[in-house]
């Protein structure tokens, strides 16, 4: 094989390996996923469901809700219904997320056309091994809530249970 072609091929393979490693989840992240909101208008009936699997019962888990909104979002907060079910577990809560401060400044990260929020929802949660479904729905007064782009979850392995 031509030496130049051989070196080029190895260079491409090494680059691809680095890219794929960079795309994987961090070691303590069990699940992370966002789902789009159709037409950026979140309806009451449009619940988003996420599935994740817990393999290790020797650690606590930290679970967060993620939200991406547009600068056109009309409110300074959002209320959500969060429900986690699976393996004899049924946790249901109403979750508030502050979107803007009293002066109207966005509290999330990003620019005015897309702001990202992460709300720690369940901290140091014990979960037995098994598969879980986490369902999130909006719980605002408006049946159709404009300006919401994506809703997501993040499940991270926390401290060991002592």
C-alpha atoms as a PDB file:
ATOM      1  CA  UNK A   1       0.000   0.000   0.000  1.00  0.00           C
ATOM      2  CA  UNK A   2       1.193   3.514  -0.781  1.00  0.00           C
ATOM      3  CA  UNK A   3       2.672   5.148   2.351  1.00  0.00           C
ATOM      4  CA  UNK A   4       0.758   8.404   1.805  1.00  0.00           C
ATOM      5  CA  UNK A   5      -2.533   6.548   1.378  1.00  0.00           C
ATOM      6  CA  UNK A   6      -1.778   4.386   4.428  1.00  0.00           C
ATOM      7  CA  UNK A   7      -1.056   7.455   6.621  1.00  0.00           C
ATOM      8  CA  UNK A   8      -4.157   9.233   5.242  1.00  0.00           C
ATOM      9  CA  UNK A   9      -6.372   6.226   6.041  1.00  0.00           C
ATOM     10  CA  UNK A  10      -5.034   5.978   9.599  1.00  0.00           C
ATOM     11  CA  UNK A  11      -5.526   9.731  10.047  1.00  0.00           C
ATOM     12  CA  UNK A  12      -9.186   9.472   9.020  1.00  0.00           C
ATOM     13  CA  UNK A  13      -9.740   6.478  11.309  1.00  0.00           C
ATOM     14  CA  UNK A  14      -8.131   8.278  14.263  1.00  0.00           C
ATOM     15  CA  UNK A  15     -10.276  11.381  13.622  1.00  0.00           C
ATOM     16  CA  UNK A  16     -13.462   9.288  13.433  1.00  0.00           C
ATOM     17  CA  UNK A  17     -12.575   7.525  16.684  1.00  0.00           C
ATOM     18  CA  UNK A  18     -12.080  10.882  18.447  1.00  0.00           C
ATOM     19  CA  UNK A  19     -15.376  12.191  17.056  1.00  0.00           C
ATOM     20  CA  UNK A  20     -17.313   9.142  18.235  1.00  0.00           C
ATOM     21  CA  UNK A  21     -15.728   9.325  21.686  1.00  0.00           C
ATOM     22  CA  UNK A  22     -16.643  13.006  21.898  1.00  0.00           C
ATOM     23  CA  UNK A  23     -20.279  12.191  21.063  1.00  0.00           C
ATOM     24  CA  UNK A  24     -20.748   9.617  23.798  1.00  0.00           C
ATOM     25  CA  UNK A  25     -22.356  10.454  27.132  1.00  0.00           C
ATOM     26  CA  UNK A  26     -20.108  11.339  30.077  1.00  0.00           C
ATOM     27  CA  UNK A  27     -19.338   8.381  32.350  1.00  0.00           C
ATOM     28  CA  UNK A  28     -21.849   9.355  35.067  1.00  0.00           C
ATOM     29  CA  UNK A  29     -24.688  10.184  32.618  1.00  0.00           C
ATOM     30  CA  UNK A  30     -27.214   7.363  32.359  1.00  0.00           C
ATOM     31  CA  UNK A  31     -29.587   9.090  29.921  1.00  0.00           C
ATOM     32  CA  UNK A  32     -29.922  12.453  28.202  1.00  0.00           C
ATOM     33  CA  UNK A  33     -32.532  13.187  25.565  1.00  0.00           C
ATOM     34  CA  UNK A  34     -34.563  16.076  24.151  1.00  0.00           C
ATOM     35  CA  UNK A  35     -37.788  15.808  22.169  1.00  0.00           C
ATOM     36  CA  UNK A  36     -39.087  18.584  19.919  1.00  0.00           C
ATOM     37  CA  UNK A  37     -42.392  20.357  20.484  1.00  0.00           C
ATOM     38  CA  UNK A  38     -44.426  20.422  17.291  1.00  0.00           C
ATOM     39  CA  UNK A  39     -44.741  23.948  15.863  1.00  0.00           C
ATOM     40  CA  UNK A  40     -43.078  25.243  19.083  1.00  0.00           C
ATOM     41  CA  UNK A  41     -46.532  25.151  20.710  1.00  0.00           C
ATOM     42  CA  UNK A  42     -46.812  22.783  23.678  1.00  0.00           C
ATOM     43  CA  UNK A  43     -50.358  21.566  24.210  1.00  0.00           C
ATOM     44  CA  UNK A  44     -51.734  20.132  27.450  1.00  0.00           C
ATOM     45  CA  UNK A  45     -52.350  16.777  25.767  1.00  0.00           C
ATOM     46  CA  UNK A  46     -48.835  16.627  24.285  1.00  0.00           C
ATOM     47  CA  UNK A  47     -46.942  14.776  27.023  1.00  0.00           C
ATOM     48  CA  UNK A  48     -43.356  13.782  26.308  1.00  0.00           C
ATOM     49  CA  UNK A  49     -42.183  10.353  27.496  1.00  0.00           C
ATOM     50  CA  UNK A  50     -38.591   9.245  27.958  1.00  0.00           C
ATOM     51  CA  UNK A  51     -37.319   5.773  28.815  1.00  0.00           C
ATOM     52  CA  UNK A  52     -34.124   5.020  30.719  1.00  0.00           C
ATOM     53  CA  UNK A  53     -32.587   1.988  32.414  1.00  0.00           C
ATOM     54  CA  UNK A  54     -30.922   1.817  35.822  1.00  0.00           C
ATOM     55  CA  UNK A  55     -28.337  -0.958  36.248  1.00  0.00           C
ATOM     56  CA  UNK A  56     -26.641   0.010  39.529  1.00  0.00           C
ATOM     57  CA  UNK A  57     -28.491   0.173  42.860  1.00  0.00           C
ATOM     58  CA  UNK A  58     -25.381   1.187  44.837  1.00  0.00           C
ATOM     59  CA  UNK A  59     -25.645   4.871  43.843  1.00  0.00           C
ATOM     60  CA  UNK A  60     -28.137   7.689  44.170  1.00  0.00           C
ATOM     61  CA  UNK A  61     -29.352   9.327  40.960  1.00  0.00           C
ATOM     62  CA  UNK A  62     -29.843  12.986  40.083  1.00  0.00           C
ATOM     63  CA  UNK A  63     -32.587  13.677  37.560  1.00  0.00           C
ATOM     64  CA  UNK A  64     -33.084  16.994  35.748  1.00  0.00           C
ATOM     65  CA  UNK A  65     -35.644  18.372  33.332  1.00  0.00           C
ATOM     66  CA  UNK A  66     -34.328  20.295  30.354  1.00  0.00           C
ATOM     67  CA  UNK A  67     -36.208  22.965  28.458  1.00  0.00           C
ATOM     68  CA  UNK A  68     -35.408  25.019  25.363  1.00  0.00           C
ATOM     69  CA  UNK A  69     -37.557  28.068  24.681  1.00  0.00           C
ATOM     70  CA  UNK A  70     -37.654  30.925  22.198  1.00  0.00           C
ATOM     71  CA  UNK A  71     -37.341  34.573  23.160  1.00  0.00           C
ATOM     72  CA  UNK A  72     -41.049  34.893  22.342  1.00  0.00           C
ATOM     73  CA  UNK A  73     -42.055  32.810  25.387  1.00  0.00           C
ATOM     74  CA  UNK A  74     -44.701  34.931  27.135  1.00  0.00           C
ATOM     75  CA  UNK A  75     -44.144  34.030  30.793  1.00  0.00           C
ATOM     76  CA  UNK A  76     -41.475  34.352  33.482  1.00  0.00           C
ATOM     77  CA  UNK A  77     -41.986  30.760  34.620  1.00  0.00           C
ATOM     78  CA  UNK A  78     -43.435  27.454  33.521  1.00  0.00           C
ATOM     79  CA  UNK A  79     -45.204  24.748  35.519  1.00  0.00           C
ATOM     80  CA  UNK A  80     -44.756  21.115  34.531  1.00  0.00           C
ATOM     81  CA  UNK A  81     -46.148  17.771  35.662  1.00  0.00           C
ATOM     82  CA  UNK A  82     -43.394  15.178  36.070  1.00  0.00           C
ATOM     83  CA  UNK A  83     -44.108  11.477  36.543  1.00  0.00           C
ATOM     84  CA  UNK A  84     -41.590   8.640  36.796  1.00  0.00           C
ATOM     85  CA  UNK A  85     -42.923   5.086  36.652  1.00  0.00           C
ATOM     86  CA  UNK A  86     -41.280   1.681  36.637  1.00  0.00           C
ATOM     87  CA  UNK A  87     -40.072  -1.121  38.896  1.00  0.00           C
ATOM     88  CA  UNK A  88     -42.715  -0.501  41.625  1.00  0.00           C
ATOM     89  CA  UNK A  89     -42.003   3.258  41.502  1.00  0.00           C
ATOM     90  CA  UNK A  90     -44.540   5.984  40.818  1.00  0.00           C
ATOM     91  CA  UNK A  91     -43.294   9.508  41.568  1.00  0.00           C
ATOM     92  CA  UNK A  92     -45.498  12.390  40.430  1.00  0.00           C
ATOM     93  CA  UNK A  93     -44.827  16.078  41.127  1.00  0.00           C
ATOM     94  CA  UNK A  94     -45.660  19.533  39.891  1.00  0.00           C
ATOM     95  CA  UNK A  95     -42.385  21.235  38.908  1.00  0.00           C
ATOM     96  CA  UNK A  96     -41.942  25.015  38.538  1.00  0.00           C
ATOM     97  CA  UNK A  97     -39.097  26.411  36.429  1.00  0.00           C
ATOM     98  CA  UNK A  98     -38.198  30.106  36.619  1.00  0.00           C
ATOM     99  CA  UNK A  99     -37.646  31.389  33.093  1.00  0.00           C
ATOM    100  CA  UNK A 100     -36.918  35.087  33.697  1.00  0.00           C
ATOM    101  CA  UNK A 101     -36.134  37.340  36.653  1.00  0.00           C
ATOM    102  CA  UNK A 102     -38.333  40.250  37.782  1.00  0.00           C
ATOM    103  CA  UNK A 103     -36.631  42.584  35.293  1.00  0.00           C
ATOM    104  CA  UNK A 104     -37.458  40.199  32.429  1.00  0.00           C
ATOM    105  CA  UNK A 105     -33.908  38.887  31.904  1.00  0.00           C
ATOM    106  CA  UNK A 106     -33.732  35.241  30.850  1.00  0.00           C
ATOM    107  CA  UNK A 107     -32.278  32.964  33.531  1.00  0.00           C
ATOM    108  CA  UNK A 108     -31.207  30.179  31.171  1.00  0.00           C
ATOM    109  CA  UNK A 109     -28.207  29.896  28.875  1.00  0.00           C
ATOM    110  CA  UNK A 110     -28.160  31.059  25.279  1.00  0.00           C
ATOM    111  CA  UNK A 111     -29.323  33.908  23.117  1.00  0.00           C
ATOM    112  CA  UNK A 112     -32.746  35.524  22.856  1.00  0.00           C
ATOM    113  CA  UNK A 113     -33.811  33.199  20.037  1.00  0.00           C
ATOM    114  CA  UNK A 114     -33.046  29.966  21.965  1.00  0.00           C
ATOM    115  CA  UNK A 115     -32.613  29.750  25.728  1.00  0.00           C
ATOM    116  CA  UNK A 116     -31.793  26.458  27.481  1.00  0.00           C
ATOM    117  CA  UNK A 117     -32.786  25.610  31.058  1.00  0.00           C
ATOM    118  CA  UNK A 118     -31.893  22.687  33.291  1.00  0.00           C
ATOM    119  CA  UNK A 119     -33.932  22.124  36.448  1.00  0.00           C
ATOM    120  CA  UNK A 120     -32.650  19.592  38.997  1.00  0.00           C
ATOM    121  CA  UNK A 121     -35.884  17.800  39.813  1.00  0.00           C
ATOM    122  CA  UNK A 122     -34.995  14.744  41.882  1.00  0.00           C
ATOM    123  CA  UNK A 123     -31.712  14.888  43.825  1.00  0.00           C
ATOM    124  CA  UNK A 124     -30.156  11.887  45.574  1.00  0.00           C
ATOM    125  CA  UNK A 125     -33.013   9.664  44.348  1.00  0.00           C
ATOM    126  CA  UNK A 126     -32.785   5.934  45.085  1.00  0.00           C
ATOM    127  CA  UNK A 127     -33.780   3.835  42.074  1.00  0.00           C
ATOM    128  CA  UNK A 128     -33.776   0.053  41.902  1.00  0.00           C
ATOM    129  CA  UNK A 129     -32.398  -1.606  38.765  1.00  0.00           C
ATOM    130  CA  UNK A 130     -34.968  -1.660  35.980  1.00  0.00           C
ATOM    131  CA  UNK A 131     -36.511   0.322  33.170  1.00  0.00           C
ATOM    132  CA  UNK A 132     -38.309   3.589  33.902  1.00  0.00           C
ATOM    133  CA  UNK A 133     -40.554   5.920  31.930  1.00  0.00           C
ATOM    134  CA  UNK A 134     -40.421   9.632  32.721  1.00  0.00           C
ATOM    135  CA  UNK A 135     -43.380  11.612  31.395  1.00  0.00           C
ATOM    136  CA  UNK A 136     -43.434  15.422  31.324  1.00  0.00           C
ATOM    137  CA  UNK A 137     -46.357  17.660  30.405  1.00  0.00           C
ATOM    138  CA  UNK A 138     -46.989  21.380  30.641  1.00  0.00           C
ATOM    139  CA  UNK A 139     -49.334  22.563  33.406  1.00  0.00           C
ATOM    140  CA  UNK A 140     -49.921  26.209  32.549  1.00  0.00           C
ATOM    141  CA  UNK A 141     -53.247  28.050  32.212  1.00  0.00           C
ATOM    142  CA  UNK A 142     -52.857  28.179  28.424  1.00  0.00           C
ATOM    143  CA  UNK A 143     -53.913  24.990  26.662  1.00  0.00           C
ATOM    144  CA  UNK A 144     -51.466  25.894  23.879  1.00  0.00           C
ATOM    145  CA  UNK A 145     -48.184  27.268  25.196  1.00  0.00           C
ATOM    146  CA  UNK A 146     -46.175  29.038  22.485  1.00  0.00           C
ATOM    147  CA  UNK A 147     -42.422  29.491  22.364  1.00  0.00           C
ATOM    148  CA  UNK A 148     -41.401  26.049  23.680  1.00  0.00           C
ATOM    149  CA  UNK A 149     -38.949  24.344  21.319  1.00  0.00           C
ATOM    150  CA  UNK A 150     -37.771  21.163  23.130  1.00  0.00           C
ATOM    151  CA  UNK A 151     -38.296  19.285  26.390  1.00  0.00           C
ATOM    152  CA  UNK A 152     -35.779  16.813  27.755  1.00  0.00           C
ATOM    153  CA  UNK A 153     -34.351  14.857  30.635  1.00  0.00           C
ATOM    154  CA  UNK A 154     -30.969  14.061  32.086  1.00  0.00           C
ATOM    155  CA  UNK A 155     -30.302  11.188  34.483  1.00  0.00           C
ATOM    156  CA  UNK A 156     -26.916  11.133  36.216  1.00  0.00           C
ATOM    157  CA  UNK A 157     -25.359   8.658  38.608  1.00  0.00           C
ATOM    158  CA  UNK A 158     -24.713  10.431  41.902  1.00  0.00           C
ATOM    159  CA  UNK A 159     -22.968   9.608  45.152  1.00  0.00           C
ATOM    160  CA  UNK A 160     -22.633   6.016  46.390  1.00  0.00           C
ATOM    161  CA  UNK A 161     -25.257   4.890  48.873  1.00  0.00           C
ATOM    162  CA  UNK A 162     -23.465   4.229  52.146  1.00  0.00           C
END
